[in-house]
Amino acid sequence: MDGEVIDRSVPTNHHSAIQFFFSGWLWPMQEQGRLFTRPELRMPVAPGKYRVADLAIFEQPPIGSLTNKPPLAVIEILSPDDRATKLHRKLSDYAAFGVRHIWIVDPMLREIYIYADRSLRQVDSFELPAFGLRFSCPEMMSQIID
């Protein structure tokens, strides 16, 4: 709800490993000045409403302490205590803010999803064709050590 402070899920080792995986895969693109990643970035998705993405991917480096421009993509990594209702609200906020690619990783089920048109669709990979990037589910899940 607007004006409400909502507790965030506490990230797990699996959550951290997946976040690290994406940061590593995207690092060469950042060094080349093609894409810019920001973990745990607070973004104003609506007046007086903020969201913190597990990882945000920008085409231009964000300027200032808060960016008013939506990222190209956000990645949300689920934790065991995440709830569907809160997740859908968050994803809907990203879409309304103008985020073009909204990706969800579920390390517990070892599945990945894309959020579009107010729904989740399970996929085998995440892609940014304009940048020649493709992240497959097996690649990501190989980062999880049980």
Protein backbone atom coordinates (compact mmCIF):
# COMPACT_ATOMS: atom_id res chain seq x y z
CA MET A 1 0.00 0.00 0.00
CA ASP A 2 1.13 3.58 -0.54
CA GLY A 3 2.73 5.25 2.48
CA GLU A 4 3.36 1.89 4.11
CA VAL A 5 6.76 0.45 4.99
CA ILE A 6 6.78 -3.19 3.96
CA ASP A 7 9.26 -5.66 5.41
CA ARG A 8 11.44 -7.28 2.78
CA SER A 9 12.24 -10.95 2.70
CA VAL A 10 15.61 -11.86 4.10
CA PRO A 11 17.79 -13.12 1.23
CA THR A 12 19.23 -16.63 1.45
CA ASN A 13 22.49 -18.07 0.20
CA HIS A 14 20.69 -19.22 -2.98
CA HIS A 15 19.35 -15.70 -3.48
CA SER A 16 22.82 -14.23 -3.11
CA ALA A 17 24.39 -16.80 -5.47
CA ILE A 18 21.90 -16.00 -8.24
CA GLN A 19 22.38 -12.25 -7.75
CA PHE A 20 26.15 -12.76 -7.98
CA PHE A 21 25.71 -14.89 -11.14
CA PHE A 22 23.88 -12.11 -12.96
CA SER A 23 26.33 -9.45 -11.81
CA GLY A 24 29.21 -11.57 -13.08
CA TRP A 25 27.59 -12.32 -16.43
CA LEU A 26 26.78 -8.67 -16.96
CA TRP A 27 30.12 -7.27 -15.79
CA PRO A 28 31.77 -7.36 -19.26
CA MET A 29 28.82 -5.39 -20.67
CA GLN A 30 29.32 -2.79 -17.94
CA GLU A 31 33.04 -2.56 -18.64
CA GLN A 32 32.20 -1.93 -22.30
CA GLY A 33 29.69 0.77 -21.32
CA ARG A 34 26.79 -1.14 -22.91
CA LEU A 35 24.71 -2.08 -19.84
CA PHE A 36 24.89 -1.00 -16.21
CA THR A 37 23.80 -3.16 -13.28
CA ARG A 38 22.73 -1.97 -9.87
CA PRO A 39 21.92 -4.46 -7.10
CA GLU A 40 19.45 -3.46 -4.39
CA LEU A 41 18.64 -0.11 -5.99
CA ARG A 42 15.73 1.90 -4.61
CA MET A 43 13.59 3.32 -7.40
CA PRO A 44 10.64 5.74 -7.25
CA VAL A 45 8.06 3.73 -9.23
CA ALA A 46 5.27 6.25 -8.54
CA PRO A 47 4.98 9.51 -6.57
CA GLY A 48 5.78 8.62 -2.95
CA LYS A 49 6.20 4.91 -3.79
CA TYR A 50 9.54 3.12 -3.94
CA ARG A 51 10.63 -0.39 -4.83
CA VAL A 52 14.00 -2.09 -4.37
CA ALA A 53 14.98 -4.44 -7.17
CA ASP A 54 17.30 -7.35 -6.46
CA LEU A 55 19.09 -6.32 -9.63
CA ALA A 56 18.31 -3.51 -12.06
CA ILE A 57 19.84 -3.35 -15.55
CA PHE A 58 20.14 0.03 -17.26
CA GLU A 59 21.13 1.07 -20.78
CA GLN A 60 22.64 4.29 -19.41
CA PRO A 61 24.38 4.70 -16.04
CA PRO A 62 21.89 5.92 -13.43
CA ILE A 63 22.65 9.42 -12.19
CA GLY A 64 22.18 10.67 -8.64
CA SER A 65 21.15 8.78 -5.54
CA LEU A 66 17.75 7.88 -7.03
CA THR A 67 17.04 7.26 -10.68
CA ASN A 68 13.83 8.60 -12.15
CA LYS A 69 14.27 6.59 -15.34
CA PRO A 70 13.10 2.99 -15.44
CA PRO A 71 15.71 0.32 -16.00
CA LEU A 72 15.69 -1.85 -19.10
CA ALA A 73 15.19 -4.91 -16.87
CA VAL A 74 14.73 -5.89 -13.25
CA ILE A 75 15.45 -9.27 -11.76
CA GLU A 76 13.60 -10.43 -8.68
CA ILE A 77 14.96 -13.48 -6.89
CA LEU A 78 12.39 -15.19 -4.71
CA SER A 79 13.02 -16.06 -1.08
CA PRO A 80 11.16 -18.81 0.81
CA ASP A 81 8.93 -16.32 2.64
CA ASP A 82 7.86 -14.28 -0.43
CA ARG A 83 4.09 -14.11 -0.89
CA ALA A 84 2.33 -14.12 -4.27
CA THR A 85 0.14 -11.08 -3.57
CA LYS A 86 3.08 -8.88 -2.58
CA LEU A 87 5.15 -10.15 -5.50
CA HIS A 88 2.41 -9.35 -8.03
CA ARG A 89 2.03 -5.83 -6.59
CA LYS A 90 5.76 -5.26 -6.89
CA LEU A 91 5.90 -6.59 -10.46
CA SER A 92 2.88 -4.52 -11.43
CA ASP A 93 4.62 -1.42 -10.03
CA TYR A 94 7.69 -2.14 -12.17
CA ALA A 95 5.52 -2.50 -15.28
CA ALA A 96 3.67 0.76 -14.54
CA PHE A 97 7.06 2.48 -14.03
CA GLY A 98 8.03 1.42 -17.59
CA VAL A 99 10.39 -1.49 -16.99
CA ARG A 100 10.41 -3.47 -20.27
CA HIS A 101 11.81 -6.77 -18.98
CA ILE A 102 10.72 -8.13 -15.60
CA TRP A 103 12.36 -11.41 -14.71
CA ILE A 104 11.74 -13.66 -11.71
CA VAL A 105 14.03 -16.42 -10.48
CA ASP A 106 12.74 -19.08 -8.09
CA PRO A 107 15.84 -20.82 -6.68
CA MET A 108 13.77 -23.25 -4.58
CA LEU A 109 11.88 -24.65 -7.59
CA ARG A 110 14.79 -23.95 -9.96
CA GLU A 111 12.46 -22.16 -12.34
CA ILE A 112 12.45 -18.79 -14.06
CA TYR A 113 9.57 -16.57 -15.18
CA ILE A 114 8.82 -13.46 -17.18
CA TYR A 115 6.19 -11.01 -15.99
CA ALA A 116 4.16 -9.45 -18.81
CA ASP A 117 0.54 -8.45 -19.31
CA ARG A 118 -0.15 -8.85 -15.57
CA SER A 119 0.84 -12.51 -15.51
CA LEU A 120 3.82 -14.80 -14.99
CA ARG A 121 5.01 -17.12 -17.73
CA GLN A 122 7.59 -19.81 -17.08
CA VAL A 123 10.49 -19.72 -19.56
CA ASP A 124 13.74 -21.59 -20.22
CA SER A 125 15.87 -18.46 -20.54
CA PHE A 126 16.00 -14.69 -20.20
CA GLU A 127 17.05 -12.79 -23.30
CA LEU A 128 18.12 -9.31 -24.33
CA PRO A 129 18.62 -9.91 -28.08
CA ALA A 130 19.70 -6.33 -28.79
CA PHE A 131 22.70 -6.96 -26.54
CA GLY A 132 23.35 -10.56 -27.55
CA LEU A 133 22.54 -11.80 -24.04
CA ARG A 134 20.83 -15.03 -23.13
CA PHE A 135 20.74 -16.50 -19.63
CA SER A 136 19.50 -20.09 -19.49
CA CYS A 137 17.83 -21.57 -16.45
CA PRO A 138 20.37 -24.44 -16.13
CA GLU A 139 23.24 -21.91 -16.20
CA MET A 140 21.69 -19.90 -13.37
CA MET A 141 20.71 -22.89 -11.30
CA SER A 142 24.20 -24.35 -11.55
CA GLN A 143 25.18 -21.57 -9.12
CA ILE A 144 23.06 -23.16 -6.39
CA ILE A 145 24.87 -25.64 -4.20
CA ASP A 146 22.52 -27.61 -1.98
